[in-house]
Every structure is written in structure tokens, then in C-alpha cells.
Amino acid sequence: MTFSIGVVGVGQFGGHFAHLFKLHPGVSEVYAVDELPERASAAQERWGLDGALGSFEELLESDVDAVAIFTQRWTHGPLVERALRAGKHVYSAVPMAISEDEIERIIEAVRETKLVYAMGETSFYNPATVFARQQHAAGKFGRIFYTEGDYVHDMDLGFYEAYQYSGGERWKETASYPPMLYPTHAIGGVLGAVPGHAVSVSCIGVKDQRGDGVFDKDVSMFANDFSNATALFEMNDGGAMRTNEMRRVGYPSHIRESRFRFFGTEASFEQLATTTVWQDKSSVHDVSEQVETKPTMSADDPSLADVAPELRDAFISGLAPVHDQSRLPREFLGAPNGHEGSHQFLVDDFVTAVNNRSLPPVNAWVAARFTLPGIVAHESALRGGERLPIRDFGDAPVQ
């Protein structure tokens, strides 16, 4: 079986994903859609796509089977719901949505339409998460009682350029996006290895002091002045999870922007920028090589001309030894990858789910558990760290 797909937002990441969808043998046709027609035409030509459509509305009215959404991060919820209600399977970039109501509406749309929804959380295939998932499945941690997931990406390392690229003249209004409304790289990397969900949170937001008009309440379309935030979550099994979302930090985020720690009663796993260790009660094992990816393309590749140099590592990473390359289609061999080897797996997950009418790993119910805790954490930070409950939408229905 095969299906057709329209990729909405073919700028930086969207164009690369369109290329992977085009390569996948389970996809018959790929169309580009962008609010800038010249960008859609350029993507069509660069990646050999099957056409360019004039608008999201035109895509929804077409007979294209699926939609992949790579628009601005605060727009996903309503676009996803509209696509599902129009009869399209949906792949969505992160985050799932920016409110509990939007999340609930997506889950209801998936339940009612029985269409495939997948959120493209890259940390689910982060090599550290894959390694921890394997160790947890083998029972080597014992009981995991404490975890940490950090998304540590300084604004100075490429984010100014990225927001200017996507936001135009008024980019500062959107560059102030609240850190905890983009929580899935940190939370998804933990819960992708240790299934569970958060039940409450207390979060502290750190107000920005740079004074350059970013994270300025008077400029921000989100009325946000937090550039960093730290949340402590209570988990459903009685354990704890801590998450950091940092946008002003002296850290080499171009080397490793997401990093994780897992502590169990029998063993633990810890990650820094360039070192990763597995530890038990008697020894420490350096496992850095097992989770290190090798570039699949040059950082100077022409396709990355619009990407800030500090962000290019997220586009060129290949696979790590812990990745199961054998499950990927042979057409992906040597193709661009990104975010520590995750892009190819995410595309394959969605294509497989659509063609088999099965649940993808990061389905709507899992995506809610990766996303909603951050939304509630941001509200907690606005309330000075007040501990707030987190709703759980339950597990995906058995198909």
C-alpha cells in the first residue's frame, strides 16, 4: 500500500522531511504547501516533489491522503484538528498543541475519525533514549524513581536567525515563545524510555535580563518574559521527573541540545555534552560511543544555506550504534537525517502506521503525555511555582 502526502511549511525542517517522505517506498506522491509560494516551488524543484499546492485550504479540499505540518509551533493544534476533520491522516511537528483544550480536541478527532495521528518527537529516537529504553526493557535499572530531561539551547546559538527566518520583521514577538510550551524534547526523551505520566508539577520561571526586546512582555505575543524554566513533576508511579527548558545558558547546545539522566535502584544512566555513562553499584561504564551519531552530509551542503551554522548539526546527524538501522527502508541509506538520527525513524513510523492502519509509537495519547505537562508547568511558573495537577487522557485504545 502507498498514500499521498502534503507537507505544510517547507522551510528548514519541513523541506528535509518532504525529501524523506519522497524517498519512502510507502509514499506515492509528495506535495509542498507554504504560505510563501516561492518557497513551495523551490522545495518542489530541490527535492523532486510531485507538485506544489497554493494553500492549506486547497490541500484539505484535495484528494491527498495525509498532511505533515511544519508550521509555527503555536499553530499546530487547530491545523491538526482541521486536517483530521477533513479526512486526512496527520503527522505533526512538536509541540502537539499549546492548550489542554486543543489537545483534547485532537484526541477526540482521532477517536472519532479513526485516522492516524503522529507527533514527530525527535527525542523518542534520541540515542540516549533508545539506550535507556533497552536497559529498562531488560530490567537493568531496577525501579526507576528519578529522571531528568533537559532541552538546553541558547538563543545565541542559532535561534535568533531561526526566528528571523520564520517570523519576518516582527520576529521578536514570536521569539519570546515560553520555554515550557516546548517541552517535548525533554519530557519525550524520558517518557520515551520509561512509559508513564506526570500527575502534578511545580515550576519556577526565570525572567530574562538581556534587554534586547526578546522575552519582553511588552513585545511578546505571549506576554512572556521567562527565558529559562525548571519544573519538578510528580509521576504516576510515585517517582519524580525534573525538566529544564533553557534559552539563556552557557552550554554548547550545538553539540547536544537534549540530554538525560535516569536513576534506578540497581543502575543509573547520565549524560553530559560529550560524555555518557552507565553505572551500577560496582562500576562505571563509558557508553559514549554507543550513543554518538556520525554525520551523513556536510554542514556546508547547499540545502542548508538558510540554516544558521550553529543549528546545522540538527540536520546532518546520522545513526548511532544503538539505532536499529535494519528496520529502515533501503531507500534511506545515505539520505539526510537529523536530530541525532531520529528523522528517518519518525517518517518510517508514520508511513507504516498509515499503510497498516496501526497506532504509531508517539500517537495522540502519548503526545498528550509529552506535551500537557509543560503547558501546566508554564501556568505553575506564572503562579510563582504553585503545585498544579496534570490531567491524563489515558492510554490509546486497543486497535
Protein backbone atom coordinates (compact mmCIF):
# COMPACT_ATOMS: atom_id res chain seq x y z
CA MET A 1 0.00 0.00 0.00
CA THR A 2 1.02 3.60 -0.55
CA PHE A 3 -0.51 7.02 0.07
CA SER A 4 -0.01 10.65 -0.91
CA ILE A 5 1.00 13.43 1.48
CA GLY A 6 1.15 17.22 1.52
CA VAL A 7 3.91 18.85 3.58
CA VAL A 8 2.77 22.16 5.05
CA GLY A 9 5.61 24.55 5.80
CA VAL A 10 8.59 23.56 3.65
CA GLY A 11 11.15 25.89 5.16
CA GLN A 12 14.07 24.45 7.06
CA PHE A 13 12.98 21.14 8.60
CA GLY A 14 9.83 20.75 6.53
CA GLY A 15 11.77 20.56 3.29
CA HIS A 16 14.08 17.86 4.60
CA PHE A 17 11.14 15.79 5.81
CA ALA A 18 9.45 16.21 2.43
CA HIS A 19 12.58 14.68 0.90
CA LEU A 20 12.40 11.67 3.24
CA PHE A 21 8.70 11.16 2.52
CA LYS A 22 9.52 11.26 -1.19
CA LEU A 23 12.20 8.59 -0.73
CA HIS A 24 9.98 6.24 1.29
CA PRO A 25 8.55 3.36 -0.79
CA GLY A 26 5.31 3.55 1.17
CA VAL A 27 4.53 7.04 -0.14
CA SER A 28 3.22 7.54 -3.68
CA GLU A 29 3.23 11.34 -4.05
CA VAL A 30 4.52 14.32 -2.04
CA TYR A 31 3.25 17.89 -2.42
CA ALA A 32 4.65 21.11 -0.99
CA VAL A 33 2.48 23.74 0.68
CA ASP A 34 3.75 27.03 2.09
CA GLU A 35 2.35 30.49 2.72
CA LEU A 36 5.23 31.73 0.58
CA PRO A 37 4.57 30.24 -2.90
CA GLU A 38 8.20 30.68 -3.94
CA ARG A 39 9.30 28.52 -1.02
CA ALA A 40 6.91 25.73 -2.07
CA SER A 41 8.16 25.92 -5.66
CA ALA A 42 11.78 25.83 -4.52
CA ALA A 43 11.13 22.75 -2.38
CA GLN A 44 9.37 21.02 -5.25
CA GLU A 45 12.35 21.59 -7.51
CA ARG A 46 15.05 20.83 -4.95
CA TRP A 47 13.59 17.56 -3.69
CA GLY A 48 11.82 16.37 -6.84
CA LEU A 49 8.35 16.55 -5.29
CA ASP A 50 5.17 15.89 -7.26
CA GLY A 51 3.69 19.34 -7.07
CA ALA A 52 3.01 22.48 -5.04
CA LEU A 53 -0.42 23.48 -3.75
CA GLY A 54 -1.42 27.07 -3.17
CA SER A 55 -2.73 26.89 0.38
CA PHE A 56 -3.60 24.71 3.36
CA GLU A 57 -7.26 25.02 2.38
CA GLU A 58 -6.52 23.76 -1.12
CA LEU A 59 -4.69 20.80 0.39
CA LEU A 60 -7.64 19.93 2.63
CA GLU A 61 -10.01 20.08 -0.33
CA SER A 62 -7.78 17.85 -2.47
CA ASP A 63 -7.71 14.05 -2.61
CA VAL A 64 -4.28 13.92 -0.96
CA ASP A 65 -4.42 11.28 1.78
CA ALA A 66 -2.24 12.77 4.54
CA VAL A 67 -0.84 16.04 5.86
CA ALA A 68 2.51 16.74 7.53
CA ILE A 69 2.51 20.00 9.48
CA PHE A 70 5.72 22.01 9.99
CA THR A 71 4.25 25.44 10.66
CA GLN A 72 4.98 27.78 13.59
CA ARG A 73 4.90 25.84 16.84
CA TRP A 74 1.86 27.60 18.34
CA THR A 75 -0.30 26.90 15.26
CA HIS A 76 -0.28 23.09 15.28
CA GLY A 77 -3.37 22.31 17.36
CA PRO A 78 -6.07 23.95 15.18
CA LEU A 79 -4.38 22.90 11.91
CA VAL A 80 -4.17 19.27 13.05
CA GLU A 81 -7.83 19.20 14.04
CA ARG A 82 -8.91 20.74 10.73
CA ALA A 83 -6.87 18.20 8.77
CA LEU A 84 -8.29 15.25 10.70
CA ARG A 85 -11.85 16.53 10.26
CA ALA A 86 -11.12 16.88 6.53
CA GLY A 87 -10.31 13.16 6.40
CA LYS A 88 -6.50 13.38 6.35
CA HIS A 89 -4.00 11.37 8.34
CA VAL A 90 -1.71 13.78 10.20
CA TYR A 91 1.97 13.95 11.04
CA SER A 92 2.65 16.99 13.23
CA ALA A 93 5.90 18.57 14.30
CA VAL A 94 6.18 19.36 18.01
CA PRO A 95 4.55 20.52 20.13
CA MET A 96 1.17 18.82 19.81
CA ALA A 97 -0.65 21.99 20.90
CA ILE A 98 -0.39 24.87 23.36
CA SER A 99 -3.50 24.31 25.50
CA GLU A 100 -5.32 21.45 27.19
CA ASP A 101 -8.41 22.22 25.12
CA GLU A 102 -6.50 21.89 21.84
CA ILE A 103 -5.06 18.56 22.98
CA GLU A 104 -8.49 17.25 23.95
CA ARG A 105 -9.95 18.29 20.59
CA ILE A 106 -7.20 16.44 18.71
CA ILE A 107 -7.71 13.27 20.73
CA GLU A 108 -11.47 13.42 20.13
CA ALA A 109 -10.91 13.95 16.40
CA VAL A 110 -8.56 10.94 16.24
CA ARG A 111 -11.03 8.83 18.22
CA GLU A 112 -13.96 9.80 16.03
CA THR A 113 -12.29 9.70 12.61
CA LYS A 114 -10.06 6.68 13.38
CA LEU A 115 -7.34 8.33 11.30
CA VAL A 116 -3.63 8.15 12.09
CA TYR A 117 -2.07 10.96 14.10
CA ALA A 118 1.63 11.02 14.97
CA MET A 119 3.67 13.69 16.70
CA GLY A 120 7.25 13.88 15.45
CA GLU A 121 9.08 13.96 18.75
CA THR A 122 12.74 13.55 17.88
CA SER A 123 13.78 12.59 21.41
CA PHE A 124 11.85 9.32 21.13
CA TYR A 125 14.74 8.18 18.88
CA ASN A 126 17.47 10.14 20.61
CA PRO A 127 20.25 7.54 21.08
CA ALA A 128 20.24 8.12 24.84
CA THR A 129 16.51 7.41 24.99
CA VAL A 130 16.91 4.33 22.80
CA PHE A 131 19.71 3.05 25.07
CA ALA A 132 17.72 3.72 28.25
CA ARG A 133 14.61 2.11 26.71
CA GLN A 134 16.61 -1.05 26.01
CA GLN A 135 18.07 -1.14 29.53
CA HIS A 136 14.66 -0.55 31.09
CA ALA A 137 13.05 -3.29 28.99
CA ALA A 138 15.77 -5.67 30.17
CA GLY A 139 15.06 -4.75 33.81
CA LYS A 140 18.59 -3.48 34.42
CA PHE A 141 17.62 -0.24 36.15
CA GLY A 142 15.53 -1.91 38.83
CA ARG A 143 12.88 0.55 39.87
CA ILE A 144 13.43 3.94 38.21
CA PHE A 145 12.50 6.56 40.79
CA TYR A 146 14.06 9.75 39.41
CA THR A 147 14.68 11.06 35.90
CA GLU A 148 15.87 14.25 34.25
CA GLY A 149 15.33 15.58 30.76
CA ASP A 150 16.85 18.87 29.63
CA TYR A 151 16.43 20.89 26.46
CA VAL A 152 19.36 23.29 26.72
CA HIS A 153 19.51 25.56 23.68
CA ASP A 154 20.92 29.06 23.98
CA MET A 155 19.29 31.77 21.88
CA ASP A 156 22.72 32.97 20.72
CA LEU A 157 23.41 29.62 19.07
CA GLY A 158 21.21 29.91 16.01
CA PHE A 159 17.80 30.74 17.45
CA TYR A 160 17.93 34.43 16.59
CA GLU A 161 18.48 33.52 12.93
CA ALA A 162 15.81 30.80 13.03
CA TYR A 163 13.16 33.15 14.38
CA GLN A 164 14.14 35.86 11.90
CA TYR A 165 13.79 33.30 9.08
CA SER A 166 10.32 32.19 10.21
CA GLY A 167 8.98 35.36 11.78
CA GLY A 168 9.87 38.13 9.37
CA GLU A 169 10.04 41.75 10.53
CA ARG A 170 8.07 41.04 13.70
CA TRP A 171 10.19 38.06 14.73
CA LYS A 172 10.79 39.32 18.28
CA GLU A 173 7.10 38.90 19.03
CA THR A 174 7.40 35.15 18.45
CA ALA A 175 10.96 34.55 19.65
CA SER A 176 9.63 35.02 23.17
CA TYR A 177 7.75 31.70 22.94
CA PRO A 178 7.51 30.36 26.54
CA PRO A 179 10.14 27.63 27.08
CA MET A 180 7.74 25.27 28.88
CA LEU A 181 5.32 25.34 25.94
CA TYR A 182 8.02 23.50 24.00
CA PRO A 183 8.64 20.69 26.50
CA THR A 184 8.57 17.57 24.37
CA HIS A 185 12.28 17.23 23.59
CA ALA A 186 12.95 16.99 27.33
CA ILE A 187 9.86 15.12 28.53
CA GLY A 188 9.58 12.86 25.48
CA GLY A 189 13.15 11.67 25.90
CA VAL A 190 12.35 10.49 29.42
CA LEU A 191 8.87 9.06 28.86
CA GLY A 192 10.01 7.53 25.58
CA ALA A 193 12.25 5.28 27.66
CA VAL A 194 10.19 4.89 30.82
CA PRO A 195 6.47 4.88 29.99
CA GLY A 196 4.33 6.72 32.49
CA HIS A 197 2.84 10.13 33.02
CA ALA A 198 3.13 13.20 35.22
CA VAL A 199 0.32 13.86 37.72
CA SER A 200 1.41 17.21 39.20
CA VAL A 201 4.07 19.89 38.78
CA SER A 202 5.75 22.84 40.43
CA CYS A 203 7.73 25.11 38.11
CA ILE A 204 9.94 28.16 38.53
CA GLY A 205 10.38 30.56 35.62
CA VAL A 206 13.48 32.74 35.34
CA LYS A 207 12.79 36.21 33.95
CA ASP A 208 15.10 37.35 31.19
CA GLN A 209 17.57 40.19 31.77
CA ARG A 210 19.18 40.60 28.32
CA GLY A 211 17.04 43.61 27.46
CA ASP A 212 17.14 43.15 23.68
CA GLY A 213 13.40 43.05 23.09
CA VAL A 214 13.19 39.25 23.19
CA PHE A 215 11.38 37.83 26.25
CA ASP A 216 9.95 41.29 26.82
CA LYS A 217 6.31 41.22 27.94
CA ASP A 218 5.57 44.42 26.08
CA VAL A 219 6.84 42.91 22.81
CA SER A 220 5.93 39.23 23.22
CA MET A 221 2.74 37.96 21.59
CA PHE A 222 2.65 35.51 24.51
CA ALA A 223 3.22 38.18 27.20
CA ASN A 224 6.19 36.06 28.27
CA ASP A 225 9.39 37.16 29.98
CA PHE A 226 10.71 33.73 31.05
CA SER A 227 13.80 32.65 29.11
CA ASN A 228 14.54 29.66 31.38
CA ALA A 229 12.29 27.41 33.45
CA THR A 230 12.73 24.42 35.76
CA ALA A 231 9.91 22.02 36.58
CA LEU A 232 9.63 19.18 39.09
CA PHE A 233 6.97 16.63 38.19
CA GLU A 234 5.33 14.01 40.40
CA MET A 235 4.90 10.80 38.39
CA ASN A 236 2.05 8.32 38.45
CA ASP A 237 4.29 5.60 39.92
CA GLY A 238 5.42 7.75 42.85
CA GLY A 239 8.72 8.79 41.27
CA ALA A 240 9.91 12.22 40.21
CA MET A 241 10.98 13.83 36.92
CA ARG A 242 12.79 17.12 36.58
CA THR A 243 12.84 19.11 33.36
CA ASN A 244 14.90 22.15 32.36
CA GLU A 245 13.99 24.35 29.40
CA MET A 246 16.78 26.89 28.91
CA ARG A 247 17.21 29.62 26.26
CA ARG A 248 19.91 31.68 28.03
CA VAL A 249 22.65 29.31 29.09
CA GLY A 250 26.41 28.92 28.79
CA TYR A 251 26.33 25.47 27.23
CA PRO A 252 27.34 24.09 23.77
CA SER A 253 23.85 23.26 22.57
CA HIS A 254 25.13 22.71 19.03
CA ILE A 255 26.93 19.62 20.39
CA ARG A 256 23.99 18.14 22.33
CA GLU A 257 20.83 20.12 22.98
CA SER A 258 18.81 17.35 24.66
CA ARG A 259 20.33 15.31 27.47
CA PHE A 260 19.00 12.82 30.00
CA ARG A 261 19.55 11.10 33.36
CA PHE A 262 17.82 8.03 34.80
CA PHE A 263 18.31 6.78 38.36
CA GLY A 264 17.14 3.32 39.38
CA THR A 265 17.56 1.14 42.42
CA GLU A 266 20.05 -1.10 40.59
CA ALA A 267 21.70 1.14 37.98
CA SER A 268 21.77 4.64 36.56
CA PHE A 269 22.48 6.49 33.32
CA GLU A 270 23.88 10.02 32.99
CA GLN A 271 24.64 12.26 30.04
CA LEU A 272 26.67 15.45 29.56
CA ALA A 273 27.55 17.31 26.37
CA THR A 274 30.25 14.87 25.23
CA THR A 275 30.15 12.01 27.77
CA THR A 276 27.54 9.37 28.56
CA VAL A 277 27.90 6.76 31.32
CA TRP A 278 26.08 3.68 32.56
CA GLN A 279 26.65 2.92 36.25
CA ASP A 280 25.73 0.19 38.66
CA LYS A 281 26.68 -0.35 42.30
CA SER A 282 30.16 -1.55 41.46
CA SER A 283 31.38 0.19 38.31
CA VAL A 284 31.07 2.97 35.73
CA HIS A 285 30.92 2.22 32.01
CA ASP A 286 31.55 4.89 29.39
CA VAL A 287 28.90 4.26 26.70
CA SER A 288 29.51 7.48 24.75
CA GLU A 289 30.38 5.64 21.54
CA GLN A 290 27.10 3.70 21.57
CA VAL A 291 25.04 6.92 21.52
CA GLU A 292 27.22 9.00 19.21
CA THR A 293 25.94 9.71 15.70
CA LYS A 294 28.06 10.22 12.60
CA PRO A 295 27.18 12.99 10.08
CA THR A 296 25.51 11.87 6.85
CA MET A 297 26.16 15.12 4.98
CA SER A 298 28.42 18.15 5.10
CA ALA A 299 27.44 21.13 7.24
CA ASP A 300 28.21 23.20 4.12
CA ASP A 301 25.66 21.36 1.95
CA PRO A 302 23.76 23.86 -0.26
CA SER A 303 20.44 22.63 1.13
CA LEU A 304 21.44 24.16 4.49
CA ALA A 305 22.14 27.63 3.11
CA ASP A 306 19.17 29.11 5.02
CA VAL A 307 20.13 27.43 8.31
CA ALA A 308 22.35 29.17 10.87
CA PRO A 309 25.73 27.35 11.21
CA GLU A 310 25.04 26.68 14.91
CA LEU A 311 21.85 24.79 14.00
CA ARG A 312 23.22 22.63 11.20
CA ASP A 313 24.22 19.73 13.44
CA ALA A 314 20.48 19.10 13.96
CA PHE A 315 20.13 18.49 10.19
CA ILE A 316 23.17 16.35 9.41
CA SER A 317 23.42 13.72 12.15
CA GLY A 318 23.29 10.12 11.04
CA LEU A 319 22.69 6.99 13.10
CA ALA A 320 24.26 5.77 16.33
CA PRO A 321 25.24 2.16 17.10
CA VAL A 322 22.15 1.75 19.32
CA HIS A 323 19.82 2.54 16.42
CA ASP A 324 18.22 -0.37 14.57
CA GLN A 325 19.08 0.62 11.02
CA SER A 326 17.79 -2.70 9.68
CA ARG A 327 14.15 -1.63 10.14
CA LEU A 328 14.51 1.38 7.82
CA PRO A 329 13.79 1.20 4.09
CA ARG A 330 16.93 0.76 1.99
CA GLU A 331 16.00 3.94 0.10
CA PHE A 332 17.04 5.89 3.23
CA LEU A 333 20.62 4.62 3.09
CA GLY A 334 22.87 7.67 2.84
CA ALA A 335 19.91 10.08 2.89
CA PRO A 336 19.89 13.17 5.11
CA ASN A 337 18.93 12.59 8.71
CA GLY A 338 18.78 14.86 11.72
CA HIS A 339 18.22 15.43 15.43
CA GLU A 340 20.62 12.66 16.45
CA GLY A 341 19.36 10.16 13.91
CA SER A 342 15.63 10.50 14.55
CA HIS A 343 14.16 11.89 11.33
CA GLN A 344 14.23 8.70 9.30
CA PHE A 345 12.63 6.66 12.10
CA LEU A 346 9.85 9.22 12.59
CA VAL A 347 8.98 9.22 8.88
CA ASP A 348 9.03 5.42 8.78
CA ASP A 349 6.80 5.20 11.88
CA PHE A 350 4.16 7.42 10.30
CA VAL A 351 4.24 5.76 6.89
CA THR A 352 4.00 2.31 8.46
CA ALA A 353 1.09 3.36 10.68
CA VAL A 354 -0.89 4.86 7.79
CA ASN A 355 -0.34 1.91 5.48
CA ASN A 356 -1.08 -0.65 8.20
CA ARG A 357 -3.82 1.41 9.90
CA SER A 358 -1.96 0.97 13.17
CA LEU A 359 -1.01 3.21 16.09
CA PRO A 360 2.35 4.95 15.73
CA PRO A 361 4.59 4.96 18.84
CA VAL A 362 4.01 8.67 19.51
CA ASN A 363 0.26 8.62 18.94
CA ALA A 364 -2.19 11.25 20.20
CA TRP A 365 -2.40 9.83 23.73
CA VAL A 366 1.38 9.55 24.08
CA ALA A 367 1.82 13.01 22.55
CA ALA A 368 -0.53 14.42 25.18
CA ARG A 369 1.66 12.98 27.93
CA PHE A 370 4.72 14.56 26.32
CA THR A 371 3.04 17.97 25.85
CA LEU A 372 0.46 18.80 28.52
CA PRO A 373 2.88 18.63 31.49
CA GLY A 374 4.81 21.57 30.03
CA ILE A 375 1.63 23.60 29.48
CA VAL A 376 0.67 23.11 33.13
CA ALA A 377 4.26 23.79 34.21
CA HIS A 378 4.17 27.18 32.50
CA GLU A 379 0.96 28.00 34.36
CA SER A 380 2.66 26.96 37.60
CA ALA A 381 5.56 29.30 36.87
CA LEU A 382 3.10 32.15 36.27
CA ARG A 383 1.69 31.38 39.73
CA GLY A 384 5.09 31.50 41.42
CA GLY A 385 5.68 27.76 41.50
CA GLU A 386 2.27 26.66 42.79
CA ARG A 387 1.90 22.90 42.54
CA LEU A 388 -0.80 22.08 39.98
CA PRO A 389 -2.47 18.80 38.92
CA ILE A 390 -1.94 17.45 35.40
CA ARG A 391 -4.78 15.74 33.57
CA ASP A 392 -4.12 12.39 31.91
CA PHE A 393 -6.08 11.34 28.83
CA GLY A 394 -5.28 7.67 29.40
CA ASP A 395 -3.76 5.10 27.09
CA ALA A 396 -4.55 4.78 23.41
CA PRO A 397 -7.50 2.47 22.72
CA VAL A 398 -6.62 -1.03 21.66
CA GLN A 399 -6.97 -1.43 17.89
